[in-house]
Amino acid sequence: MAPMSLEIVKAEGCELIDVSGKRYIDLIGGISVANVGHRHPKVIAAIQAQLEAYLHVMVYGEFVQSPQVQYAKLLTEHLPASLHSVYFTNSGAEAVEGAMKLAKRVTDRTEIVAFNNSYHGSTQGALSIMGSEYWRGAYRPLLPGVHHVEYNSFKDLAFITTETACVIAETVQAEAGVKPPQADWLKALRMRCTETGALLVLDEIQTGFGRTGKLWGFEHFDIVPDVLLLGKALGGGMPLGAFIAGKNLMDCLADNPVLGHITTFGGHPVCCAAGMAAMQALLEEGMFAEADAKQALFRQLLQHPKIRAIHSFGLWMAVEFESFEVCKEVIDACVEGGVITDWFLFAANCLRISPPLTISEEQIRMAVGVILSSIK
């Protein structure tokens, strides 16, 4: 399969413009990065203000960099009390790596439980817990002691034992084609982790920042993780990741060895300034309040005999076709028609809809019109 190879010269709100001047409605949002839209004015203003102050100055911790402190404070003000210590990284995959190290230090255990059809990044550690041998097999040997089990399986919770350092799960499985958990299963997972002393690490790298209709996906299920993973929309369009836990857990990385986890650029001041501005805009403008209504409009309009099912959770959908070949034909025709979409790694027969949360009703109707006319 070949990449689209579009040369984009401008992005604004929910639109992309290519080198020829052609406009596209963006239904990908940079893979759930542009939740507040491309180049939100408040994000641009925050970036410009920070550029006038300073860029990188020192590995953080040595110098107090106010964008990190202020953004961490904003995040923790909107999280449960037990999640009050933020470690910024460069990306979601690095947040995964940090969380795995943290779990090993906290529990003094080495085994990790992850789920089939899960996606957590492509670095060596994150790849080790990715739930597909197709994607990880070429890079073995990977981390030992990783057990992959079935998502939503009550029976497989028995694989979580007193030897398990942590369980890493997506709150809603993203690349499996927007696959949510059963509410009682996620609660049972939380309970099993508590019983065995394993940390529950929830990956909200795609799920967070309003994508599901709530600020955090876990808010739908009345549970709280021990460690939360964030990325993608966290930076407002700039590269940024984070793992968040209680300070009592994070302190385990402070010694034996000293600097037990360290990064040069993690929490870059410009990225933190941009991310904070994006989160403030998200909250102040109520962008995710209409996620369910916009999902409903998509579902109402997406009626076609060749659409086998629509899997959705908030403003996040996987439109299922018979095969990848059929889906890819639709995707290619959509691009020709001025709508950008793609497929899912573990559900290649499904078309992705994860637009900026600011997408208008008119843009939804236009995009769906293109999708339907693209189905042969």
Protein backbone atom coordinates (compact mmCIF):
# COMPACT_ATOMS: atom_id res chain seq x y z
CA MET A 1 0.00 0.00 0.00
CA ALA A 2 1.29 3.46 -0.89
CA PRO A 3 1.06 6.64 1.20
CA MET A 4 -1.20 9.46 0.03
CA SER A 5 1.84 11.75 -0.42
CA LEU A 6 -0.24 14.92 -0.19
CA GLU A 7 1.83 18.07 0.10
CA ILE A 8 -0.04 20.19 2.65
CA VAL A 9 0.90 23.88 2.76
CA LYS A 10 -1.77 25.17 5.16
CA ALA A 11 -4.01 23.85 7.91
CA GLU A 12 -6.74 25.77 9.69
CA GLY A 13 -9.54 24.49 11.92
CA CYS A 14 -10.88 21.34 10.25
CA GLU A 15 -9.41 22.05 6.83
CA LEU A 16 -6.16 21.19 5.07
CA ILE A 17 -4.96 22.89 1.89
CA ASP A 18 -2.50 21.28 -0.50
CA VAL A 19 0.12 22.81 -2.76
CA SER A 20 -2.38 23.18 -5.61
CA GLY A 21 -4.83 25.08 -3.41
CA LYS A 22 -7.25 22.19 -3.05
CA ARG A 23 -9.15 22.12 0.26
CA TYR A 24 -9.85 18.99 2.28
CA ILE A 25 -12.04 18.31 5.30
CA ASP A 26 -9.78 16.53 7.79
CA LEU A 27 -11.44 13.48 9.37
CA ILE A 28 -8.16 12.21 10.83
CA GLY A 29 -7.04 15.19 12.91
CA GLY A 30 -3.44 14.03 12.83
CA ILE A 31 -4.60 10.74 14.46
CA SER A 32 -6.49 12.51 17.27
CA VAL A 33 -3.83 15.21 17.69
CA ALA A 34 -5.77 18.23 16.45
CA ASN A 35 -8.69 17.90 18.88
CA VAL A 36 -9.01 21.70 19.14
CA GLY A 37 -8.53 22.13 15.39
CA HIS A 38 -5.42 22.97 13.43
CA ARG A 39 -3.61 26.13 14.49
CA HIS A 40 -6.10 27.25 17.13
CA PRO A 41 -5.48 30.98 17.67
CA LYS A 42 -4.84 30.54 21.41
CA VAL A 43 -2.25 27.84 20.68
CA ILE A 44 -0.46 30.00 18.12
CA ALA A 45 -0.42 32.95 20.54
CA ALA A 46 1.02 30.78 23.33
CA ILE A 47 3.76 29.44 21.05
CA GLN A 48 4.70 32.95 19.94
CA ALA A 49 4.80 34.22 23.53
CA GLN A 50 7.07 31.36 24.63
CA LEU A 51 9.37 31.89 21.64
CA GLU A 52 9.97 35.38 22.96
CA ALA A 53 10.94 33.99 26.38
CA TYR A 54 13.17 30.94 25.87
CA LEU A 55 13.43 27.59 24.12
CA HIS A 56 15.34 24.66 25.61
CA VAL A 57 17.49 25.66 28.57
CA MET A 58 18.34 22.53 30.58
CA VAL A 59 17.21 19.02 31.40
CA TYR A 60 14.12 19.70 33.44
CA GLY A 61 14.41 19.48 37.18
CA GLU A 62 17.63 21.48 37.20
CA PHE A 63 15.81 24.62 36.07
CA VAL A 64 12.20 25.43 36.88
CA GLN A 65 10.51 25.98 33.52
CA SER A 66 7.18 27.63 34.17
CA PRO A 67 5.30 26.19 31.13
CA GLN A 68 5.88 22.67 32.52
CA VAL A 69 4.79 23.63 36.02
CA GLN A 70 1.71 25.52 34.88
CA TYR A 71 0.60 22.78 32.49
CA ALA A 72 1.14 20.05 35.07
CA LYS A 73 -0.96 22.07 37.51
CA LEU A 74 -3.78 22.47 34.97
CA LEU A 75 -3.74 18.74 34.17
CA THR A 76 -3.85 17.65 37.80
CA GLU A 77 -6.65 20.11 38.58
CA HIS A 78 -8.78 18.10 36.15
CA LEU A 79 -7.72 14.62 37.27
CA PRO A 80 -8.55 12.49 40.31
CA ALA A 81 -6.57 13.40 43.42
CA SER A 82 -4.41 10.26 43.20
CA LEU A 83 -3.01 11.38 39.82
CA HIS A 84 -1.03 14.41 40.91
CA SER A 85 2.52 13.95 39.63
CA VAL A 86 3.24 14.57 35.95
CA TYR A 87 6.31 13.42 34.05
CA PHE A 88 6.44 15.02 30.60
CA THR A 89 8.05 13.15 27.71
CA ASN A 90 8.49 13.83 23.99
CA SER A 91 5.84 11.38 22.82
CA GLY A 92 3.21 8.87 23.84
CA ALA A 93 5.57 5.96 23.21
CA GLU A 94 8.10 7.46 25.63
CA ALA A 95 5.32 7.84 28.20
CA VAL A 96 4.69 4.10 27.82
CA GLU A 97 8.38 3.37 28.36
CA GLY A 98 8.45 5.52 31.49
CA ALA A 99 5.35 3.84 32.90
CA MET A 100 6.83 0.38 32.41
CA LYS A 101 10.00 1.40 34.25
CA LEU A 102 7.92 2.97 37.02
CA ALA A 103 5.83 -0.18 37.47
CA LYS A 104 8.94 -2.35 37.77
CA ARG A 105 10.43 -0.05 40.40
CA VAL A 106 7.21 0.33 42.42
CA THR A 107 6.35 -3.38 42.51
CA ASP A 108 9.82 -4.95 42.25
CA ARG A 109 8.26 -7.26 39.64
CA THR A 110 9.03 -7.73 35.94
CA GLU A 111 5.99 -9.29 34.26
CA ILE A 112 3.66 -7.12 32.20
CA VAL A 113 0.18 -7.97 30.93
CA ALA A 114 -1.05 -6.29 27.74
CA PHE A 115 -3.85 -6.96 25.28
CA ASN A 116 -4.20 -8.36 21.79
CA ASN A 117 -4.93 -5.71 19.17
CA SER A 118 -3.53 -3.00 21.41
CA TYR A 119 -1.29 -0.21 20.16
CA HIS A 120 1.12 1.66 22.44
CA GLY A 121 3.91 2.90 20.17
CA SER A 122 6.88 1.59 18.20
CA THR A 123 9.90 1.94 20.48
CA GLN A 124 11.38 -1.37 21.68
CA GLY A 125 9.51 -1.48 24.99
CA ALA A 126 6.23 -0.19 23.60
CA LEU A 127 6.54 -2.58 20.66
CA SER A 128 6.96 -5.46 23.10
CA ILE A 129 3.47 -4.83 24.47
CA MET A 130 1.86 -4.09 21.09
CA GLY A 131 -0.90 -6.63 20.58
CA SER A 132 0.05 -7.95 17.14
CA GLU A 133 2.82 -10.35 16.18
CA TYR A 134 2.66 -9.04 12.60
CA TRP A 135 3.97 -5.67 13.75
CA ARG A 136 6.42 -6.82 16.43
CA GLY A 137 7.72 -10.11 15.07
CA ALA A 138 10.45 -8.67 12.83
CA TYR A 139 12.16 -6.98 15.81
CA ARG A 140 12.60 -9.85 18.23
CA PRO A 141 14.07 -10.41 20.73
CA LEU A 142 11.90 -7.92 22.59
CA LEU A 143 11.20 -7.50 26.31
CA PRO A 144 10.71 -10.83 28.12
CA GLY A 145 7.87 -11.45 30.54
CA VAL A 146 5.13 -9.81 28.47
CA HIS A 147 1.82 -11.70 28.32
CA HIS A 148 -0.84 -10.79 25.76
CA VAL A 149 -4.43 -11.62 26.66
CA GLU A 150 -7.87 -10.85 25.23
CA TYR A 151 -9.45 -7.46 25.80
CA ASN A 152 -12.91 -7.72 27.39
CA SER A 153 -12.25 -11.31 28.52
CA PHE A 154 -13.16 -11.99 32.15
CA LYS A 155 -11.45 -15.38 31.99
CA ASP A 156 -8.13 -13.85 30.98
CA LEU A 157 -8.02 -11.66 34.09
CA ALA A 158 -6.61 -14.76 35.80
CA PHE A 159 -3.31 -14.09 33.97
CA ILE A 160 -2.85 -11.08 36.26
CA THR A 161 -1.03 -12.45 39.32
CA THR A 162 1.20 -11.39 42.19
CA GLU A 163 4.08 -11.62 39.68
CA THR A 164 2.55 -8.90 37.49
CA ALA A 165 4.19 -5.47 37.67
CA CYS A 166 1.46 -3.75 35.66
CA VAL A 167 -1.38 -4.19 33.25
CA ILE A 168 -1.31 -1.75 30.32
CA ALA A 169 -4.64 -1.23 28.57
CA GLU A 170 -6.19 1.29 26.25
CA THR A 171 -9.33 2.66 27.88
CA VAL A 172 -10.91 2.32 24.43
CA GLN A 173 -8.93 0.22 21.98
CA ALA A 174 -8.02 2.62 19.19
CA GLU A 175 -6.33 0.74 16.35
CA ALA A 176 -8.63 -2.24 16.88
CA GLY A 177 -11.32 -0.03 15.36
CA VAL A 178 -12.69 1.99 18.30
CA LYS A 179 -13.41 -0.99 20.54
CA PRO A 180 -14.71 0.07 23.98
CA PRO A 181 -14.60 -2.16 27.04
CA GLN A 182 -17.60 -3.56 28.81
CA ALA A 183 -18.06 -1.33 31.85
CA ASP A 184 -18.20 -4.27 34.25
CA TRP A 185 -15.06 -5.78 32.66
CA LEU A 186 -13.02 -2.62 33.17
CA LYS A 187 -14.16 -2.50 36.79
CA ALA A 188 -13.19 -6.16 37.18
CA LEU A 189 -9.78 -5.36 35.68
CA ARG A 190 -9.32 -2.53 38.18
CA MET A 191 -10.31 -4.86 41.03
CA ARG A 192 -7.97 -7.64 39.87
CA CYS A 193 -5.03 -5.23 39.74
CA THR A 194 -5.82 -3.99 43.24
CA GLU A 195 -6.07 -7.56 44.56
CA THR A 196 -2.72 -8.63 43.09
CA GLY A 197 -0.81 -5.40 43.69
CA ALA A 198 -0.27 -4.84 39.98
CA LEU A 199 -0.45 -1.25 38.72
CA LEU A 200 -3.24 -0.45 36.29
CA VAL A 201 -1.83 1.71 33.50
CA LEU A 202 -4.44 3.22 31.19
CA ASP A 203 -3.32 4.44 27.78
CA GLU A 204 -5.41 7.48 26.87
CA ILE A 205 -2.99 8.72 24.23
CA GLN A 206 -5.79 8.69 21.64
CA THR A 207 -8.72 8.61 24.06
CA GLY A 208 -7.97 11.70 26.13
CA PHE A 209 -8.82 15.38 25.72
CA GLY A 210 -12.50 15.04 24.90
CA ARG A 211 -12.35 12.45 22.14
CA THR A 212 -14.92 10.25 23.93
CA GLY A 213 -17.27 13.05 24.97
CA LYS A 214 -15.65 13.38 28.39
CA LEU A 215 -12.26 14.90 29.14
CA TRP A 216 -10.83 11.45 29.98
CA GLY A 217 -12.13 8.14 28.74
CA PHE A 218 -11.95 6.45 32.15
CA GLU A 219 -14.58 8.91 33.44
CA HIS A 220 -17.19 6.86 31.57
CA PHE A 221 -16.42 3.76 33.64
CA ASP A 222 -16.16 4.98 37.24
CA ILE A 223 -12.59 3.79 37.77
CA VAL A 224 -9.23 5.48 38.29
CA PRO A 225 -5.93 4.08 36.99
CA ASP A 226 -2.69 4.02 38.96
CA VAL A 227 -0.86 5.51 35.98
CA LEU A 228 -2.32 7.53 33.12
CA LEU A 229 -0.63 7.82 29.71
CA LEU A 230 -1.19 10.89 27.56
CA GLY A 231 0.12 12.09 24.21
CA LYS A 232 -1.16 13.22 20.80
CA ALA A 233 -3.65 16.03 21.68
CA LEU A 234 -1.65 16.75 24.84
CA GLY A 235 0.63 19.11 22.89
CA GLY A 236 -2.01 21.00 20.94
CA GLY A 237 -0.19 20.08 17.71
CA MET A 238 3.32 20.07 19.19
CA PRO A 239 5.14 16.82 20.19
CA LEU A 240 4.44 16.00 23.84
CA GLY A 241 3.65 12.99 26.01
CA ALA A 242 3.24 12.34 29.72
CA PHE A 243 2.80 9.63 32.29
CA ILE A 244 0.93 10.69 35.41
CA ALA A 245 0.74 8.92 38.78
CA GLY A 246 0.80 9.66 42.48
CA LYS A 247 3.95 11.28 43.83
CA ASN A 248 4.38 8.34 46.20
CA LEU A 249 4.83 6.17 43.11
CA MET A 250 6.89 8.65 41.09
CA ASP A 251 9.36 9.05 43.95
CA CYS A 252 10.53 5.50 43.22
CA LEU A 253 12.33 6.89 40.16
CA ALA A 254 14.31 9.39 42.24
CA ASP A 255 17.05 7.11 43.55
CA ASN A 256 18.70 3.68 43.21
CA PRO A 257 19.66 4.84 40.63
CA VAL A 258 19.51 8.59 40.98
CA LEU A 259 17.83 10.05 37.88
CA GLY A 260 15.99 6.76 37.38
CA HIS A 261 14.22 8.25 34.38
CA ILE A 262 15.56 11.22 32.48
CA THR A 263 14.99 13.10 29.24
CA THR A 264 16.64 16.04 27.49
CA PHE A 265 13.68 17.52 25.65
CA GLY A 266 10.68 16.00 27.45
CA GLY A 267 8.32 18.78 28.46
CA HIS A 268 9.88 21.27 26.07
CA PRO A 269 8.66 24.75 27.11
CA VAL A 270 7.16 25.60 23.72
CA CYS A 271 5.31 22.27 23.60
CA CYS A 272 3.99 22.73 27.13
CA ALA A 273 2.87 26.28 26.39
CA ALA A 274 1.04 25.07 23.27
CA GLY A 275 -0.52 22.11 25.06
CA MET A 276 -1.72 24.21 27.97
CA ALA A 277 -3.32 26.74 25.61
CA ALA A 278 -5.04 23.91 23.74
CA MET A 279 -6.40 22.36 26.94
CA GLN A 280 -7.63 25.74 28.16
CA ALA A 281 -9.40 26.29 24.83
CA LEU A 282 -10.88 22.80 25.00
CA LEU A 283 -12.31 23.50 28.46
CA GLU A 284 -13.35 27.12 27.99
CA GLU A 285 -15.04 26.60 24.62
CA GLY A 286 -16.78 23.35 25.64
CA MET A 287 -15.50 21.58 22.56
CA PHE A 288 -16.33 18.06 23.67
CA ALA A 289 -19.83 18.86 24.94
CA GLU A 290 -21.25 18.17 21.48
CA ALA A 291 -19.20 15.05 20.75
CA ASP A 292 -22.15 12.70 21.21
CA ALA A 293 -24.48 14.88 19.12
CA LYS A 294 -21.92 15.05 16.31
CA GLN A 295 -21.41 11.28 16.54
CA ALA A 296 -25.18 10.83 16.24
CA LEU A 297 -25.29 13.03 13.14
CA PHE A 298 -22.51 11.01 11.50
CA ARG A 299 -24.32 7.77 12.32
CA GLN A 300 -27.65 9.12 11.08
CA LEU A 301 -26.17 10.15 7.75
CA LEU A 302 -23.83 7.19 7.16
CA GLN A 303 -26.43 4.86 5.67
CA HIS A 304 -25.34 2.59 2.82
CA PRO A 305 -25.79 -1.14 2.04
CA LYS A 306 -22.02 -1.64 1.89
CA ILE A 307 -21.45 -0.20 5.38
CA ARG A 308 -21.52 -3.31 7.55
CA ALA A 309 -21.33 -1.58 10.94
CA ILE A 310 -20.22 1.61 12.66
CA HIS A 311 -18.20 1.29 15.86
CA SER A 312 -18.10 4.51 17.82
CA PHE A 313 -17.36 6.13 21.15
CA GLY A 314 -17.79 9.89 21.29
CA LEU A 315 -16.59 11.72 18.18
CA TRP A 316 -14.54 8.72 17.15
CA MET A 317 -15.76 6.13 14.68
CA ALA A 318 -14.73 3.11 12.66
CA VAL A 319 -16.91 2.58 9.59
CA GLU A 320 -16.71 -1.10 8.71
CA PHE A 321 -16.62 -2.45 5.16
CA GLU A 322 -16.35 -5.98 3.80
CA SER A 323 -12.57 -5.88 3.30
CA PHE A 324 -9.49 -3.68 3.33
CA GLU A 325 -9.65 -3.51 -0.46
CA VAL A 326 -13.15 -2.04 -0.39
CA CYS A 327 -12.21 0.34 2.43
CA LYS A 328 -9.07 1.50 0.63
CA GLU A 329 -11.04 2.25 -2.54
CA VAL A 330 -13.38 4.43 -0.49
CA ILE A 331 -10.47 6.18 1.25
CA ASP A 332 -8.77 6.96 -2.08
CA ALA A 333 -12.00 8.25 -3.60
CA CYS A 334 -12.62 10.40 -0.50
CA VAL A 335 -9.23 12.05 -0.94
CA GLU A 336 -10.10 12.80 -4.56
CA GLY A 337 -13.38 14.26 -3.31
CA GLY A 338 -11.74 16.49 -0.72
CA VAL A 339 -12.05 14.43 2.48
CA ILE A 340 -9.04 13.02 4.35
CA THR A 341 -9.51 9.73 6.15
CA ASP A 342 -7.63 6.44 6.59
CA TRP A 343 -7.85 2.97 8.11
CA PHE A 344 -6.91 1.28 11.41
CA LEU A 345 -3.82 -0.87 12.03
CA PHE A 346 -5.75 -3.83 13.46
CA ALA A 347 -9.02 -3.15 11.62
CA ALA A 348 -7.90 -2.38 8.09
CA ASN A 349 -11.43 -2.87 6.74
CA CYS A 350 -12.61 0.13 8.78
CA LEU A 351 -12.52 3.79 7.76
CA ARG A 352 -11.34 6.23 10.46
CA ILE A 353 -13.37 9.21 11.62
CA SER A 354 -11.63 11.25 14.33
CA PRO A 355 -11.93 14.87 13.21
CA PRO A 356 -11.16 17.94 15.27
CA LEU A 357 -13.86 18.28 17.92
CA THR A 358 -14.66 21.67 16.39
CA ILE A 359 -16.01 20.18 13.15
CA SER A 360 -19.28 21.88 12.18
CA GLU A 361 -22.59 20.28 11.24
CA GLU A 362 -22.14 21.62 7.71
CA GLN A 363 -18.69 20.02 7.45
CA ILE A 364 -20.05 16.72 8.77
CA ARG A 365 -22.78 16.72 6.13
CA MET A 366 -20.29 17.58 3.38
CA ALA A 367 -17.83 14.91 4.52
CA VAL A 368 -20.50 12.20 4.73
CA GLY A 369 -21.74 13.16 1.28
CA VAL A 370 -18.25 12.55 -0.08
CA ILE A 371 -17.91 9.24 1.78
CA LEU A 372 -21.23 7.94 0.46
CA SER A 373 -20.47 9.03 -3.10
CA SER A 374 -17.08 7.28 -2.80
CA ILE A 375 -18.65 3.87 -2.14
CA LYS A 376 -18.89 1.98 -5.42
